[in-house]
Each structure stands twice: as structure tokens, then as C-alpha cells.
C-alpha atoms as a PDB file:
ATOM      1  CA  MET A   1    -209.714  62.977  -8.751  1.00  0.00           C
ATOM      2  CA  PRO A   2    -206.095  64.154  -8.293  1.00  0.00           C
ATOM      3  CA  SER A   3    -204.360  63.177  -5.075  1.00  0.00           C
ATOM      4  CA  GLY A   4    -204.789  65.767  -2.320  1.00  0.00           C
ATOM      5  CA  CYS A   5    -208.027  67.237  -3.687  1.00  0.00           C
ATOM      6  CA  PHE A   6    -211.070  67.450  -1.466  1.00  0.00           C
ATOM      7  CA  ASP A   7    -213.668  64.834  -2.295  1.00  0.00           C
ATOM      8  CA  PRO A   8    -217.101  65.754  -0.824  1.00  0.00           C
ATOM      9  CA  SER A   9    -218.239  62.131  -1.085  1.00  0.00           C
ATOM     10  CA  TRP A  10    -215.510  61.014   1.312  1.00  0.00           C
ATOM     11  CA  THR A  11    -217.189  59.881   4.522  1.00  0.00           C
ATOM     12  CA  ASP A  12    -214.245  59.005   6.775  1.00  0.00           C
ATOM     13  CA  ARG A  13    -214.000  61.396   9.701  1.00  0.00           C
ATOM     14  CA  LEU A  14    -211.845  61.738  12.777  1.00  0.00           C
ATOM     15  CA  SER A  15    -213.385  60.608  16.013  1.00  0.00           C
ATOM     16  CA  LYS A  16    -213.677  63.218  18.760  1.00  0.00           C
ATOM     17  CA  GLU A  17    -210.744  61.544  20.542  1.00  0.00           C
ATOM     18  CA  GLN A  18    -208.593  61.639  17.377  1.00  0.00           C
ATOM     19  CA  PHE A  19    -209.483  65.307  16.803  1.00  0.00           C
ATOM     20  CA  VAL A  20    -208.581  66.271  20.366  1.00  0.00           C
ATOM     21  CA  THR A  21    -205.321  64.308  20.200  1.00  0.00           C
ATOM     22  CA  ALA A  22    -204.368  65.862  16.843  1.00  0.00           C
ATOM     23  CA  ASN A  23    -205.027  69.384  18.142  1.00  0.00           C
ATOM     24  CA  ARG A  24    -203.045  68.807  21.311  1.00  0.00           C
ATOM     25  CA  LEU A  25    -200.122  67.429  19.325  1.00  0.00           C
ATOM     26  CA  ALA A  26    -200.309  70.393  16.929  1.00  0.00           C
ATOM     27  CA  VAL A  27    -199.811  72.880  19.744  1.00  0.00           C
ATOM     28  CA  ILE A  28    -196.820  71.107  21.271  1.00  0.00           C
ATOM     29  CA  ASP A  29    -195.019  70.124  18.040  1.00  0.00           C
ATOM     30  CA  THR A  30    -192.361  72.819  17.697  1.00  0.00           C
ATOM     31  CA  SER A  31    -191.190  71.486  14.335  1.00  0.00           C
ATOM     32  CA  ARG A  32    -194.237  73.026  12.654  1.00  0.00           C
ATOM     33  CA  LEU A  33    -196.293  76.193  12.976  1.00  0.00           C
ATOM     34  CA  ASN A  34    -197.541  76.191  16.523  1.00  0.00           C
ATOM     35  CA  VAL A  35    -201.319  76.617  16.300  1.00  0.00           C
ATOM     36  CA  THR A  36    -201.503  78.079  19.779  1.00  0.00           C
ATOM     37  CA  GLU A  37    -198.955  80.803  19.160  1.00  0.00           C
ATOM     38  CA  GLY A  38    -199.129  81.513  15.435  1.00  0.00           C
ATOM     39  CA  GLY A  39    -202.858  81.066  15.035  1.00  0.00           C
ATOM     40  CA  GLY A  40    -203.699  82.913  18.234  1.00  0.00           C
ATOM     41  CA  HIS A  41    -201.569  85.920  17.303  1.00  0.00           C
ATOM     42  CA  ALA A  42    -203.023  85.995  13.781  1.00  0.00           C
ATOM     43  CA  ILE A  43    -206.607  85.977  15.086  1.00  0.00           C
ATOM     44  CA  PHE A  44    -205.730  88.644  17.667  1.00  0.00           C
ATOM     45  CA  ASP A  45    -204.281  90.861  14.930  1.00  0.00           C
ATOM     46  CA  VAL A  46    -207.465  90.495  12.873  1.00  0.00           C
ATOM     47  CA  ILE A  47    -209.622  91.548  15.821  1.00  0.00           C
ATOM     48  CA  ASP A  48    -207.301  94.369  16.989  1.00  0.00           C
ATOM     49  CA  VAL A  49    -208.186  96.687  14.097  1.00  0.00           C
ATOM     50  CA  ASP A  50    -206.449  99.796  15.477  1.00  0.00           C
ATOM     51  CA  GLY A  51    -203.253  97.880  16.323  1.00  0.00           C
ATOM     52  CA  ASP A  52    -202.989  99.104  19.913  1.00  0.00           C
ATOM     53  CA  ASN A  53    -202.311  95.558  21.190  1.00  0.00           C
ATOM     54  CA  GLU A  54    -205.655  95.411  22.993  1.00  0.00           C
ATOM     55  CA  ILE A  55    -209.090  94.287  21.876  1.00  0.00           C
ATOM     56  CA  SER A  56    -211.784  96.780  22.815  1.00  0.00           C
ATOM     57  CA  LYS A  57    -215.455  95.923  23.203  1.00  0.00           C
ATOM     58  CA  ASP A  58    -216.171  97.658  19.894  1.00  0.00           C
ATOM     59  CA  GLU A  59    -213.482  95.672  18.062  1.00  0.00           C
ATOM     60  CA  PHE A  60    -214.744  92.439  19.609  1.00  0.00           C
ATOM     61  CA  ALA A  61    -218.354  93.217  18.664  1.00  0.00           C
ATOM     62  CA  ARG A  62    -217.274  94.058  15.095  1.00  0.00           C
ATOM     63  CA  PHE A  63    -215.414  90.731  14.853  1.00  0.00           C
ATOM     64  CA  LEU A  64    -218.445  88.808  16.090  1.00  0.00           C
ATOM     65  CA  ARG A  65    -220.750  90.651  13.690  1.00  0.00           C
ATOM     66  CA  ASP A  66    -218.600  90.891  10.547  1.00  0.00           C
ATOM     67  CA  VAL A  67    -216.419  87.787  10.735  1.00  0.00           C
ATOM     68  CA  TRP A  68    -218.406  85.221  12.704  1.00  0.00           C
ATOM     69  CA  ARG A  69    -221.742  86.676  11.555  1.00  0.00           C
ATOM     70  CA  SER A  70    -223.041  86.310  15.093  1.00  0.00           C
ATOM     71  CA  ASP A  71    -225.802  88.449  16.470  1.00  0.00           C
ATOM     72  CA  ALA A  72    -226.603  86.190  19.413  1.00  0.00           C
ATOM     73  CA  PRO A  73    -227.543  88.309  22.437  1.00  0.00           C
ATOM     74  CA  ASP A  74    -225.090  86.462  24.691  1.00  0.00           C
ATOM     75  CA  ALA A  75    -222.149  86.578  22.233  1.00  0.00           C
ATOM     76  CA  MET A  76    -220.548  89.507  24.063  1.00  0.00           C
ATOM     77  CA  ASP A  77    -220.581  87.516  27.316  1.00  0.00           C
ATOM     78  CA  SER A  78    -217.364  85.847  26.167  1.00  0.00           C
ATOM     79  CA  PHE A  79    -215.660  89.280  26.121  1.00  0.00           C
ATOM     80  CA  ALA A  80    -215.944  89.508  29.914  1.00  0.00           C
ATOM     81  CA  LYS A  81    -214.615  85.956  30.270  1.00  0.00           C
ATOM     82  CA  LEU A  82    -211.599  86.721  28.063  1.00  0.00           C
ATOM     83  CA  ASP A  83    -210.936  90.006  29.907  1.00  0.00           C
ATOM     84  CA  THR A  84    -209.546  88.145  32.907  1.00  0.00           C
ATOM     85  CA  ASP A  85    -208.113  91.225  34.631  1.00  0.00           C
ATOM     86  CA  GLY A  86    -211.373  93.155  34.226  1.00  0.00           C
ATOM     87  CA  ASP A  87    -209.806  96.289  32.730  1.00  0.00           C
ATOM     88  CA  GLY A  88    -212.334  96.552  29.879  1.00  0.00           C
ATOM     89  CA  THR A  89    -209.993  95.296  27.140  1.00  0.00           C
ATOM     90  CA  ILE A  90    -208.527  91.939  26.124  1.00  0.00           C
ATOM     91  CA  SER A  91    -204.740  92.084  26.068  1.00  0.00           C
ATOM     92  CA  ARG A  92    -202.675  89.949  23.725  1.00  0.00           C
ATOM     93  CA  TYR A  93    -201.543  87.952  26.773  1.00  0.00           C
ATOM     94  CA  GLU A  94    -205.146  87.269  27.852  1.00  0.00           C
ATOM     95  CA  PHE A  95    -206.122  86.240  24.328  1.00  0.00           C
ATOM     96  CA  ILE A  96    -203.156  83.897  23.775  1.00  0.00           C
ATOM     97  CA  ARG A  97    -203.750  82.345  27.177  1.00  0.00           C
ATOM     98  CA  ALA A  98    -207.354  81.679  26.134  1.00  0.00           C
ATOM     99  CA  VAL A  99    -206.171  80.034  22.903  1.00  0.00           C
ATOM    100  CA  ARG A 100    -203.849  77.789  24.934  1.00  0.00           C
ATOM    101  CA  GLU A 101    -206.736  76.898  27.246  1.00  0.00           C
ATOM    102  CA  HIS A 102    -208.859  75.991  24.249  1.00  0.00           C
ATOM    103  CA  PHE A 103    -206.333  73.429  23.077  1.00  0.00           C
ATOM    104  CA  LEU A 104    -204.803  72.264  26.354  1.00  0.00           C
ATOM    105  CA  SER A 105    -207.365  72.613  29.145  1.00  0.00           C
ATOM    106  CA  ASN A 106    -209.841  69.957  30.196  1.00  0.00           C
ATOM    107  CA  ASP A 107    -212.091  72.665  31.645  1.00  0.00           C
ATOM    108  CA  PRO A 108    -215.099  73.192  29.330  1.00  0.00           C
ATOM    109  CA  ASP A 109    -215.796  76.514  31.089  1.00  0.00           C
ATOM    110  CA  ALA A 110    -212.317  77.967  30.485  1.00  0.00           C
ATOM    111  CA  PRO A 111    -212.484  81.340  28.684  1.00  0.00           C
ATOM    112  CA  GLY A 112    -210.815  79.879  25.586  1.00  0.00           C
ATOM    113  CA  SER A 113    -213.362  77.092  25.383  1.00  0.00           C
ATOM    114  CA  LEU A 114    -216.215  79.563  25.659  1.00  0.00           C
ATOM    115  CA  PHE A 115    -214.846  81.735  22.839  1.00  0.00           C
ATOM    116  CA  PHE A 116    -213.491  79.146  20.414  1.00  0.00           C
ATOM    117  CA  GLY A 117    -215.909  76.338  21.210  1.00  0.00           C
ATOM    118  CA  ARG A 118    -215.635  73.194  23.208  1.00  0.00           C
ATOM    119  CA  ILE A 119    -213.495  70.326  21.965  1.00  0.00           C
END
């Protein structure tokens, strides 16, 4: 198999500690694409279909349904957690802050951890 190709028989995996360390380093390494900033903004732009710089409940529900294929009854609960100012929309600032929390916070109940998953 050519170098760099994915080999499904490969069984080596990162430990949880290695994964967490790699993700934390990825968000603070300014010599490369910053996952926190670049990735967070890209995901926000995908969700913000109308481009008004806010994620509405309808846009969030569409993202959960069409992209994540989630129909879990409690999936929309994370919307309220991400809407930290309670104005009924998720601003870009709120969303990027949640992405940062996902990668940098030790709090498993932080809004970013609830939306993106716990590390």
C-alpha cells in the first residue's frame, strides 16, 4: 500500500490522553490552521444558512437533522446551552466560545462539550 494511504487493518490508535493532548496542541499552534478558529467559523457558516451571523432554532434543527442525522428528542437541548445570552439565537461569538470550550475546558458540562461531544 502506498505511503500515506489509509489501511483499515491498522490497529494502532491514540490513547484518550494522546488524543486530548493533540487536540489541545492543535488549537494553540498558530503555525497551522487553528482548529478552534478556522474549524469553528466553518461549521458556523454551514449552520447559518441565511448568512445573518446568527444561528436560529430552525437552522440549528436543520443542521441536526440533515447533517448529523439526529432526531433524538433532546438534541435541541444543546441549542439553549449554546445560546448563553438567552436571546433565542446563537451568535458567532457564542458558537466560537463553545468550540474553544470543547477543546480547552476541563468541564464536561460546558456548552461546547455538550454540542461537540466530550473529550
